[in-house]
Amino acid sequence: AQKRIYTGGINEFGYFEPDINGKLS
């Protein structure tokens, strides 16, 4: 739905999404 890849680590969480070149940021 959001076209994102959510990640969780150690004391951190966030998401990756493609930039205009298709590379994940």
mmCIF file of all heavy atoms, coordinates in Angstrom:
data_MODEL
# 
_entry.id   MODEL 
# 
loop_
_atom_site.group_PDB 
_atom_site.id 
_atom_site.type_symbol 
_atom_site.label_atom_id 
_atom_site.label_alt_id 
_atom_site.label_comp_id 
_atom_site.label_asym_id 
_atom_site.label_entity_id 
_atom_site.label_seq_id 
_atom_site.pdbx_PDB_ins_code 
_atom_site.Cartn_x 
_atom_site.Cartn_y 
_atom_site.Cartn_z 
_atom_site.occupancy 
_atom_site.B_iso_or_equiv 
_atom_site.pdbx_formal_charge 
_atom_site.auth_seq_id 
_atom_site.auth_comp_id 
_atom_site.auth_asym_id 
_atom_site.auth_atom_id 
_atom_site.pdbx_PDB_model_num 
ATOM 1   N N   . ALA A 1 1  ? 0.821  -1.207 0.000   1.00 0.00 ? 1  ALA A N   1 
ATOM 2   C CA  . ALA A 1 1  ? 0.000  0.000  0.000   1.00 0.00 ? 1  ALA A CA  1 
ATOM 3   C C   . ALA A 1 1  ? 0.859  1.262  0.000   1.00 0.00 ? 1  ALA A C   1 
ATOM 4   O O   . ALA A 1 1  ? 0.548  2.230  -0.685  1.00 0.00 ? 1  ALA A O   1 
ATOM 5   C CB  . ALA A 1 1  ? -0.927 -0.003 1.214   1.00 0.00 ? 1  ALA A CB  1 
ATOM 6   N N   . GLN A 1 2  ? 1.939  1.244  0.770   1.00 0.00 ? 2  GLN A N   1 
ATOM 7   C CA  . GLN A 1 2  ? 2.791  2.431  0.877   1.00 0.00 ? 2  GLN A CA  1 
ATOM 8   C C   . GLN A 1 2  ? 4.023  2.384  -0.016  1.00 0.00 ? 2  GLN A C   1 
ATOM 9   O O   . GLN A 1 2  ? 4.785  3.351  -0.077  1.00 0.00 ? 2  GLN A O   1 
ATOM 10  C CB  . GLN A 1 2  ? 3.217  2.615  2.334   1.00 0.00 ? 2  GLN A CB  1 
ATOM 11  C CG  . GLN A 1 2  ? 2.039  2.858  3.255   1.00 0.00 ? 2  GLN A CG  1 
ATOM 12  C CD  . GLN A 1 2  ? 2.502  3.096  4.674   1.00 0.00 ? 2  GLN A CD  1 
ATOM 13  O OE1 . GLN A 1 2  ? 3.440  3.835  4.914   1.00 0.00 ? 2  GLN A OE1 1 
ATOM 14  N NE2 . GLN A 1 2  ? 1.840  2.460  5.620   1.00 0.00 ? 2  GLN A NE2 1 
ATOM 15  N N   . LYS A 1 3  ? 4.241  1.236  -0.678  1.00 0.00 ? 3  LYS A N   1 
ATOM 16  C CA  . LYS A 1 3  ? 5.420  1.048  -1.528  1.00 0.00 ? 3  LYS A CA  1 
ATOM 17  C C   . LYS A 1 3  ? 6.709  1.342  -0.759  1.00 0.00 ? 3  LYS A C   1 
ATOM 18  O O   . LYS A 1 3  ? 7.595  2.054  -1.229  1.00 0.00 ? 3  LYS A O   1 
ATOM 19  C CB  . LYS A 1 3  ? 5.322  1.895  -2.793  1.00 0.00 ? 3  LYS A CB  1 
ATOM 20  C CG  . LYS A 1 3  ? 4.157  1.488  -3.669  1.00 0.00 ? 3  LYS A CG  1 
ATOM 21  C CD  . LYS A 1 3  ? 4.098  2.301  -4.923  1.00 0.00 ? 3  LYS A CD  1 
ATOM 22  C CE  . LYS A 1 3  ? 2.998  1.932  -5.867  1.00 0.00 ? 3  LYS A CE  1 
ATOM 23  N NZ  . LYS A 1 3  ? 1.835  1.311  -5.428  1.00 0.00 ? 3  LYS A NZ  1 
ATOM 24  N N   . ARG A 1 4  ? 6.770  0.754  0.445   1.00 0.00 ? 4  ARG A N   1 
ATOM 25  C CA  . ARG A 1 4  ? 7.926  0.922  1.318   1.00 0.00 ? 4  ARG A CA  1 
ATOM 26  C C   . ARG A 1 4  ? 8.346  -0.424 1.884   1.00 0.00 ? 4  ARG A C   1 
ATOM 27  O O   . ARG A 1 4  ? 7.532  -1.339 1.991   1.00 0.00 ? 4  ARG A O   1 
ATOM 28  C CB  . ARG A 1 4  ? 7.590  1.834  2.492   1.00 0.00 ? 4  ARG A CB  1 
ATOM 29  C CG  . ARG A 1 4  ? 7.332  3.263  2.110   1.00 0.00 ? 4  ARG A CG  1 
ATOM 30  C CD  . ARG A 1 4  ? 6.927  4.071  3.316   1.00 0.00 ? 4  ARG A CD  1 
ATOM 31  N NE  . ARG A 1 4  ? 6.793  5.482  2.974   1.00 0.00 ? 4  ARG A NE  1 
ATOM 32  C CZ  . ARG A 1 4  ? 6.232  6.372  3.758   1.00 0.00 ? 4  ARG A CZ  1 
ATOM 33  N NH1 . ARG A 1 4  ? 5.763  6.023  4.949   1.00 0.00 ? 4  ARG A NH1 1 
ATOM 34  N NH2 . ARG A 1 4  ? 6.153  7.632  3.384   1.00 0.00 ? 4  ARG A NH2 1 
ATOM 35  N N   . ILE A 1 5  ? 9.603  -0.499 2.261   1.00 0.00 ? 5  ILE A N   1 
ATOM 36  C CA  . ILE A 1 5  ? 10.125 -1.670 2.946   1.00 0.00 ? 5  ILE A CA  1 
ATOM 37  C C   . ILE A 1 5  ? 10.505 -1.219 4.347   1.00 0.00 ? 5  ILE A C   1 
ATOM 38  O O   . ILE A 1 5  ? 11.472 -0.472 4.530   1.00 0.00 ? 5  ILE A O   1 
ATOM 39  C CB  . ILE A 1 5  ? 11.348 -2.280 2.220   1.00 0.00 ? 5  ILE A CB  1 
ATOM 40  C CG1 . ILE A 1 5  ? 10.991 -2.654 0.771   1.00 0.00 ? 5  ILE A CG1 1 
ATOM 41  C CG2 . ILE A 1 5  ? 11.841 -3.513 2.975   1.00 0.00 ? 5  ILE A CG2 1 
ATOM 42  C CD1 . ILE A 1 5  ? 11.410 -1.640 -0.224  1.00 0.00 ? 5  ILE A CD1 1 
ATOM 43  N N   . TYR A 1 6  ? 9.708  -1.619 5.325   1.00 0.00 ? 6  TYR A N   1 
ATOM 44  C CA  . TYR A 1 6  ? 9.952  -1.241 6.724   1.00 0.00 ? 6  TYR A CA  1 
ATOM 45  C C   . TYR A 1 6  ? 10.957 -2.196 7.341   1.00 0.00 ? 6  TYR A C   1 
ATOM 46  O O   . TYR A 1 6  ? 10.944 -3.400 7.051   1.00 0.00 ? 6  TYR A O   1 
ATOM 47  C CB  . TYR A 1 6  ? 8.644  -1.272 7.520   1.00 0.00 ? 6  TYR A CB  1 
ATOM 48  C CG  . TYR A 1 6  ? 7.750  -0.105 7.213   1.00 0.00 ? 6  TYR A CG  1 
ATOM 49  C CD1 . TYR A 1 6  ? 6.799  -0.183 6.202   1.00 0.00 ? 6  TYR A CD1 1 
ATOM 50  C CD2 . TYR A 1 6  ? 7.865  1.084  7.929   1.00 0.00 ? 6  TYR A CD2 1 
ATOM 51  C CE1 . TYR A 1 6  ? 5.981  0.898  5.902   1.00 0.00 ? 6  TYR A CE1 1 
ATOM 52  C CE2 . TYR A 1 6  ? 7.048  2.168  7.637   1.00 0.00 ? 6  TYR A CE2 1 
ATOM 53  C CZ  . TYR A 1 6  ? 6.116  2.071  6.633   1.00 0.00 ? 6  TYR A CZ  1 
ATOM 54  O OH  . TYR A 1 6  ? 5.320  3.141  6.337   1.00 0.00 ? 6  TYR A OH  1 
ATOM 55  N N   . THR A 1 7  ? 11.829 -1.653 8.158   1.00 0.00 ? 7  THR A N   1 
ATOM 56  C CA  . THR A 1 7  ? 12.838 -2.458 8.826   1.00 0.00 ? 7  THR A CA  1 
ATOM 57  C C   . THR A 1 7  ? 12.917 -2.086 10.302  1.00 0.00 ? 7  THR A C   1 
ATOM 58  O O   . THR A 1 7  ? 12.645 -0.955 10.689  1.00 0.00 ? 7  THR A O   1 
ATOM 59  C CB  . THR A 1 7  ? 14.233 -2.256 8.198   1.00 0.00 ? 7  THR A CB  1 
ATOM 60  O OG1 . THR A 1 7  ? 14.555 -0.867 8.233   1.00 0.00 ? 7  THR A OG1 1 
ATOM 61  C CG2 . THR A 1 7  ? 14.286 -2.778 6.786   1.00 0.00 ? 7  THR A CG2 1 
ATOM 62  N N   . GLY A 1 8  ? 13.294 -3.069 11.094  1.00 0.00 ? 8  GLY A N   1 
ATOM 63  C CA  . GLY A 1 8  ? 13.546 -2.848 12.515  1.00 0.00 ? 8  GLY A CA  1 
ATOM 64  C C   . GLY A 1 8  ? 14.897 -3.426 12.874  1.00 0.00 ? 8  GLY A C   1 
ATOM 65  O O   . GLY A 1 8  ? 15.268 -4.510 12.418  1.00 0.00 ? 8  GLY A O   1 
ATOM 66  N N   . GLY A 1 9  ? 15.630 -2.679 13.676  1.00 0.00 ? 9  GLY A N   1 
ATOM 67  C CA  . GLY A 1 9  ? 16.949 -3.128 14.109  1.00 0.00 ? 9  GLY A CA  1 
ATOM 68  C C   . GLY A 1 9  ? 17.051 -3.055 15.620  1.00 0.00 ? 9  GLY A C   1 
ATOM 69  O O   . GLY A 1 9  ? 16.085 -3.320 16.329  1.00 0.00 ? 9  GLY A O   1 
ATOM 70  N N   . ILE A 1 10 ? 18.200 -2.684 16.100  1.00 0.00 ? 10 ILE A N   1 
ATOM 71  C CA  . ILE A 1 10 ? 18.442 -2.544 17.533  1.00 0.00 ? 10 ILE A CA  1 
ATOM 72  C C   . ILE A 1 10 ? 18.287 -1.067 17.877  1.00 0.00 ? 10 ILE A C   1 
ATOM 73  O O   . ILE A 1 10 ? 19.057 -0.224 17.416  1.00 0.00 ? 10 ILE A O   1 
ATOM 74  C CB  . ILE A 1 10 ? 19.839 -3.073 17.901  1.00 0.00 ? 10 ILE A CB  1 
ATOM 75  C CG1 . ILE A 1 10 ? 19.961 -4.542 17.472  1.00 0.00 ? 10 ILE A CG1 1 
ATOM 76  C CG2 . ILE A 1 10 ? 20.099 -2.912 19.399  1.00 0.00 ? 10 ILE A CG2 1 
ATOM 77  C CD1 . ILE A 1 10 ? 21.362 -5.083 17.502  1.00 0.00 ? 10 ILE A CD1 1 
ATOM 78  N N   . ASN A 1 11 ? 17.246 -0.745 18.645  1.00 0.00 ? 11 ASN A N   1 
ATOM 79  C CA  . ASN A 1 11 ? 16.899 0.627  19.008  1.00 0.00 ? 11 ASN A CA  1 
ATOM 80  C C   . ASN A 1 11 ? 16.649 1.516  17.791  1.00 0.00 ? 11 ASN A C   1 
ATOM 81  O O   . ASN A 1 11 ? 16.838 2.734  17.863  1.00 0.00 ? 11 ASN A O   1 
ATOM 82  C CB  . ASN A 1 11 ? 17.970 1.260  19.900  1.00 0.00 ? 11 ASN A CB  1 
ATOM 83  C CG  . ASN A 1 11 ? 17.996 0.654  21.268  1.00 0.00 ? 11 ASN A CG  1 
ATOM 84  O OD1 . ASN A 1 11 ? 16.952 0.375  21.859  1.00 0.00 ? 11 ASN A OD1 1 
ATOM 85  N ND2 . ASN A 1 11 ? 19.181 0.425  21.796  1.00 0.00 ? 11 ASN A ND2 1 
ATOM 86  N N   . GLU A 1 12 ? 16.228 0.927  16.693  1.00 0.00 ? 12 GLU A N   1 
ATOM 87  C CA  . GLU A 1 12 ? 15.964 1.716  15.492  1.00 0.00 ? 12 GLU A CA  1 
ATOM 88  C C   . GLU A 1 12 ? 14.926 1.037  14.614  1.00 0.00 ? 12 GLU A C   1 
ATOM 89  O O   . GLU A 1 12 ? 14.890 -0.185 14.502  1.00 0.00 ? 12 GLU A O   1 
ATOM 90  C CB  . GLU A 1 12 ? 17.250 1.906  14.681  1.00 0.00 ? 12 GLU A CB  1 
ATOM 91  C CG  . GLU A 1 12 ? 17.034 2.748  13.448  1.00 0.00 ? 12 GLU A CG  1 
ATOM 92  C CD  . GLU A 1 12 ? 18.322 3.058  12.692  1.00 0.00 ? 12 GLU A CD  1 
ATOM 93  O OE1 . GLU A 1 12 ? 19.420 2.925  13.250  1.00 0.00 ? 12 GLU A OE1 1 
ATOM 94  O OE2 . GLU A 1 12 ? 18.202 3.432  11.521  1.00 0.00 ? 12 GLU A OE2 1 
ATOM 95  N N   . PHE A 1 13 ? 14.088 1.858  13.978  1.00 0.00 ? 13 PHE A N   1 
ATOM 96  C CA  . PHE A 1 13 ? 13.180 1.376  12.939  1.00 0.00 ? 13 PHE A CA  1 
ATOM 97  C C   . PHE A 1 13 ? 12.960 2.492  11.932  1.00 0.00 ? 13 PHE A C   1 
ATOM 98  O O   . PHE A 1 13 ? 13.160 3.672  12.221  1.00 0.00 ? 13 PHE A O   1 
ATOM 99  C CB  . PHE A 1 13 ? 11.844 0.888  13.522  1.00 0.00 ? 13 PHE A CB  1 
ATOM 100 C CG  . PHE A 1 13 ? 11.052 1.940  14.235  1.00 0.00 ? 13 PHE A CG  1 
ATOM 101 C CD1 . PHE A 1 13 ? 10.118 2.711  13.556  1.00 0.00 ? 13 PHE A CD1 1 
ATOM 102 C CD2 . PHE A 1 13 ? 11.213 2.157  15.592  1.00 0.00 ? 13 PHE A CD2 1 
ATOM 103 C CE1 . PHE A 1 13 ? 9.375  3.690  14.214  1.00 0.00 ? 13 PHE A CE1 1 
ATOM 104 C CE2 . PHE A 1 13 ? 10.481 3.122  16.256  1.00 0.00 ? 13 PHE A CE2 1 
ATOM 105 C CZ  . PHE A 1 13 ? 9.561  3.885  15.571  1.00 0.00 ? 13 PHE A CZ  1 
ATOM 106 N N   . GLY A 1 14 ? 12.590 2.101  10.722  1.00 0.00 ? 14 GLY A N   1 
ATOM 107 C CA  . GLY A 1 14 ? 12.353 3.066  9.660   1.00 0.00 ? 14 GLY A CA  1 
ATOM 108 C C   . GLY A 1 14 ? 11.920 2.342  8.406   1.00 0.00 ? 14 GLY A C   1 
ATOM 109 O O   . GLY A 1 14 ? 11.423 1.215  8.465   1.00 0.00 ? 14 GLY A O   1 
ATOM 110 N N   . TYR A 1 15 ? 12.116 2.985  7.262   1.00 0.00 ? 15 TYR A N   1 
ATOM 111 C CA  . TYR A 1 15 ? 11.728 2.345  6.009   1.00 0.00 ? 15 TYR A CA  1 
ATOM 112 C C   . TYR A 1 15 ? 12.656 2.765  4.871   1.00 0.00 ? 15 TYR A C   1 
ATOM 113 O O   . TYR A 1 15 ? 13.301 3.808  4.903   1.00 0.00 ? 15 TYR A O   1 
ATOM 114 C CB  . TYR A 1 15 ? 10.274 2.656  5.637   1.00 0.00 ? 15 TYR A CB  1 
ATOM 115 C CG  . TYR A 1 15 ? 9.972  4.118  5.412   1.00 0.00 ? 15 TYR A CG  1 
ATOM 116 C CD1 . TYR A 1 15 ? 10.195 4.711  4.171   1.00 0.00 ? 15 TYR A CD1 1 
ATOM 117 C CD2 . TYR A 1 15 ? 9.440  4.900  6.427   1.00 0.00 ? 15 TYR A CD2 1 
ATOM 118 C CE1 . TYR A 1 15 ? 9.918  6.051  3.956   1.00 0.00 ? 15 TYR A CE1 1 
ATOM 119 C CE2 . TYR A 1 15 ? 9.152  6.239  6.225   1.00 0.00 ? 15 TYR A CE2 1 
ATOM 120 C CZ  . TYR A 1 15 ? 9.390  6.809  4.985   1.00 0.00 ? 15 TYR A CZ  1 
ATOM 121 O OH  . TYR A 1 15 ? 9.113  8.134  4.778   1.00 0.00 ? 15 TYR A OH  1 
ATOM 122 N N   . PHE A 1 16 ? 12.705 1.897  3.883   1.00 0.00 ? 16 PHE A N   1 
ATOM 123 C CA  . PHE A 1 16 ? 13.388 2.168  2.627   1.00 0.00 ? 16 PHE A CA  1 
ATOM 124 C C   . PHE A 1 16 ? 12.314 2.384  1.569   1.00 0.00 ? 16 PHE A C   1 
ATOM 125 O O   . PHE A 1 16 ? 11.291 1.715  1.568   1.00 0.00 ? 16 PHE A O   1 
ATOM 126 C CB  . PHE A 1 16 ? 14.256 0.973  2.208   1.00 0.00 ? 16 PHE A CB  1 
ATOM 127 C CG  . PHE A 1 16 ? 15.467 0.754  3.059   1.00 0.00 ? 16 PHE A CG  1 
ATOM 128 C CD1 . PHE A 1 16 ? 15.390 -0.030 4.201   1.00 0.00 ? 16 PHE A CD1 1 
ATOM 129 C CD2 . PHE A 1 16 ? 16.680 1.323  2.715   1.00 0.00 ? 16 PHE A CD2 1 
ATOM 130 C CE1 . PHE A 1 16 ? 16.510 -0.240 4.984   1.00 0.00 ? 16 PHE A CE1 1 
ATOM 131 C CE2 . PHE A 1 16 ? 17.803 1.108  3.493   1.00 0.00 ? 16 PHE A CE2 1 
ATOM 132 C CZ  . PHE A 1 16 ? 17.720 0.328  4.630   1.00 0.00 ? 16 PHE A CZ  1 
ATOM 133 N N   . GLU A 1 17 ? 12.581 3.313  0.661   1.00 0.00 ? 17 GLU A N   1 
ATOM 134 C CA  . GLU A 1 17 ? 11.712 3.474  -0.500  1.00 0.00 ? 17 GLU A CA  1 
ATOM 135 C C   . GLU A 1 17 ? 12.576 3.912  -1.676  1.00 0.00 ? 17 GLU A C   1 
ATOM 136 O O   . GLU A 1 17 ? 13.636 4.512  -1.484  1.00 0.00 ? 17 GLU A O   1 
ATOM 137 C CB  . GLU A 1 17 ? 10.559 4.433  -0.233  1.00 0.00 ? 17 GLU A CB  1 
ATOM 138 C CG  . GLU A 1 17 ? 10.922 5.856  0.026   1.00 0.00 ? 17 GLU A CG  1 
ATOM 139 C CD  . GLU A 1 17 ? 9.691  6.710  0.337   1.00 0.00 ? 17 GLU A CD  1 
ATOM 140 O OE1 . GLU A 1 17 ? 8.547  6.257  0.186   1.00 0.00 ? 17 GLU A OE1 1 
ATOM 141 O OE2 . GLU A 1 17 ? 9.902  7.855  0.738   1.00 0.00 ? 17 GLU A OE2 1 
ATOM 142 N N   . PRO A 1 18 ? 12.129 3.603  -2.890  1.00 0.00 ? 18 PRO A N   1 
ATOM 143 C CA  . PRO A 1 18 ? 12.958 3.940  -4.047  1.00 0.00 ? 18 PRO A CA  1 
ATOM 144 C C   . PRO A 1 18 ? 12.979 5.442  -4.317  1.00 0.00 ? 18 PRO A C   1 
ATOM 145 O O   . PRO A 1 18 ? 11.959 6.124  -4.176  1.00 0.00 ? 18 PRO A O   1 
ATOM 146 C CB  . PRO A 1 18 ? 12.295 3.183  -5.194  1.00 0.00 ? 18 PRO A CB  1 
ATOM 147 C CG  . PRO A 1 18 ? 10.951 2.788  -4.714  1.00 0.00 ? 18 PRO A CG  1 
ATOM 148 C CD  . PRO A 1 18 ? 10.962 2.835  -3.227  1.00 0.00 ? 18 PRO A CD  1 
ATOM 149 N N   . ASP A 1 19 ? 14.169 5.950  -4.675  1.00 0.00 ? 19 ASP A N   1 
ATOM 150 C CA  . ASP A 1 19 ? 14.267 7.344  -5.101  1.00 0.00 ? 19 ASP A CA  1 
ATOM 151 C C   . ASP A 1 19 ? 13.923 7.426  -6.597  1.00 0.00 ? 19 ASP A C   1 
ATOM 152 O O   . ASP A 1 19 ? 13.484 6.438  -7.186  1.00 0.00 ? 19 ASP A O   1 
ATOM 153 C CB  . ASP A 1 19 ? 15.653 7.919  -4.773  1.00 0.00 ? 19 ASP A CB  1 
ATOM 154 C CG  . ASP A 1 19 ? 16.789 7.206  -5.498  1.00 0.00 ? 19 ASP A CG  1 
ATOM 155 O OD1 . ASP A 1 19 ? 16.533 6.499  -6.507  1.00 0.00 ? 19 ASP A OD1 1 
ATOM 156 O OD2 . ASP A 1 19 ? 17.943 7.356  -5.067  1.00 0.00 ? 19 ASP A OD2 1 
ATOM 157 N N   . ILE A 1 20 ? 14.128 8.549  -7.217  1.00 0.00 ? 20 ILE A N   1 
ATOM 158 C CA  . ILE A 1 20 ? 13.728 8.720  -8.620  1.00 0.00 ? 20 ILE A CA  1 
ATOM 159 C C   . ILE A 1 20 ? 14.522 7.826  -9.566  1.00 0.00 ? 20 ILE A C   1 
ATOM 160 O O   . ILE A 1 20 ? 14.084 7.540  -10.670 1.00 0.00 ? 20 ILE A O   1 
ATOM 161 C CB  . ILE A 1 20 ? 13.829 10.197 -9.063  1.00 0.00 ? 20 ILE A CB  1 
ATOM 162 C CG1 . ILE A 1 20 ? 15.250 10.721 -8.890  1.00 0.00 ? 20 ILE A CG1 1 
ATOM 163 C CG2 . ILE A 1 20 ? 12.841 11.060 -8.335  1.00 0.00 ? 20 ILE A CG2 1 
ATOM 164 C CD1 . ILE A 1 20 ? 15.465 12.088 -9.514  1.00 0.00 ? 20 ILE A CD1 1 
ATOM 165 N N   . ASN A 1 21 ? 15.692 7.357  -9.114  1.00 0.00 ? 21 ASN A N   1 
ATOM 166 C CA  . ASN A 1 21 ? 16.505 6.449  -9.928  1.00 0.00 ? 21 ASN A CA  1 
ATOM 167 C C   . ASN A 1 21 ? 16.244 4.978  -9.604  1.00 0.00 ? 21 ASN A C   1 
ATOM 168 O O   . ASN A 1 21 ? 16.881 4.109  -10.172 1.00 0.00 ? 21 ASN A O   1 
ATOM 169 C CB  . ASN A 1 21 ? 17.996 6.752  -9.727  1.00 0.00 ? 21 ASN A CB  1 
ATOM 170 C CG  . ASN A 1 21 ? 18.339 8.156  -10.170 1.00 0.00 ? 21 ASN A CG  1 
ATOM 171 O OD1 . ASN A 1 21 ? 17.862 8.619  -11.191 1.00 0.00 ? 21 ASN A OD1 1 
ATOM 172 N ND2 . ASN A 1 21 ? 19.159 8.833  -9.385  1.00 0.00 ? 21 ASN A ND2 1 
ATOM 173 N N   . GLY A 1 22 ? 15.329 4.715  -8.671  1.00 0.00 ? 22 GLY A N   1 
ATOM 174 C CA  . GLY A 1 22 ? 15.003 3.352  -8.300  1.00 0.00 ? 22 GLY A CA  1 
ATOM 175 C C   . GLY A 1 22 ? 15.880 2.785  -7.197  1.00 0.00 ? 22 GLY A C   1 
ATOM 176 O O   . GLY A 1 22 ? 15.663 1.667  -6.749  1.00 0.00 ? 22 GLY A O   1 
ATOM 177 N N   . LYS A 1 23 ? 16.874 3.556  -6.755  1.00 0.00 ? 23 LYS A N   1 
ATOM 178 C CA  . LYS A 1 23 ? 17.749 3.104  -5.665  1.00 0.00 ? 23 LYS A CA  1 
ATOM 179 C C   . LYS A 1 23 ? 17.036 3.347  -4.334  1.00 0.00 ? 23 LYS A C   1 
ATOM 180 O O   . LYS A 1 23 ? 16.388 4.367  -4.130  1.00 0.00 ? 23 LYS A O   1 
ATOM 181 C CB  . LYS A 1 23 ? 19.064 3.871  -5.693  1.00 0.00 ? 23 LYS A CB  1 
ATOM 182 C CG  . LYS A 1 23 ? 20.042 3.368  -4.669  1.00 0.00 ? 23 LYS A CG  1 
ATOM 183 C CD  . LYS A 1 23 ? 21.370 4.076  -4.767  1.00 0.00 ? 23 LYS A CD  1 
ATOM 184 C CE  . LYS A 1 23 ? 22.295 3.405  -3.786  1.00 0.00 ? 23 LYS A CE  1 
ATOM 185 N NZ  . LYS A 1 23 ? 23.174 4.254  -3.104  1.00 0.00 ? 23 LYS A NZ  1 
ATOM 186 N N   . LEU A 1 24 ? 17.159 2.386  -3.416  1.00 0.00 ? 24 LEU A N   1 
ATOM 187 C CA  . LEU A 1 24 ? 16.495 2.517  -2.128  1.00 0.00 ? 24 LEU A CA  1 
ATOM 188 C C   . LEU A 1 24 ? 17.197 3.554  -1.255  1.00 0.00 ? 24 LEU A C   1 
ATOM 189 O O   . LEU A 1 24 ? 18.422 3.552  -1.128  1.00 0.00 ? 24 LEU A O   1 
ATOM 190 C CB  . LEU A 1 24 ? 16.466 1.180  -1.395  1.00 0.00 ? 24 LEU A CB  1 
ATOM 191 C CG  . LEU A 1 24 ? 15.578 0.098  -1.994  1.00 0.00 ? 24 LEU A CG  1 
ATOM 192 C CD1 . LEU A 1 24 ? 15.626 -1.158 -1.143  1.00 0.00 ? 24 LEU A CD1 1 
ATOM 193 C CD2 . LEU A 1 24 ? 14.149 0.576  -2.156  1.00 0.00 ? 24 LEU A CD2 1 
ATOM 194 N N   . SER A 1 25 ? 16.408 4.424  -0.652  1.00 0.00 ? 25 SER A N   1 
ATOM 195 C CA  . SER A 1 25 ? 16.935 5.365  0.331   1.00 0.00 ? 25 SER A CA  1 
ATOM 196 C C   . SER A 1 25 ? 16.197 5.133  1.646   1.00 0.00 ? 25 SER A C   1 
ATOM 197 O O   . SER A 1 25 ? 15.040 4.712  1.657   1.00 0.00 ? 25 SER A O   1 
ATOM 198 C CB  . SER A 1 25 ? 16.780 6.815  -0.145  1.00 0.00 ? 25 SER A CB  1 
ATOM 199 O OG  . SER A 1 25 ? 15.421 7.137  -0.328  1.00 0.00 ? 25 SER A OG  1 
# 
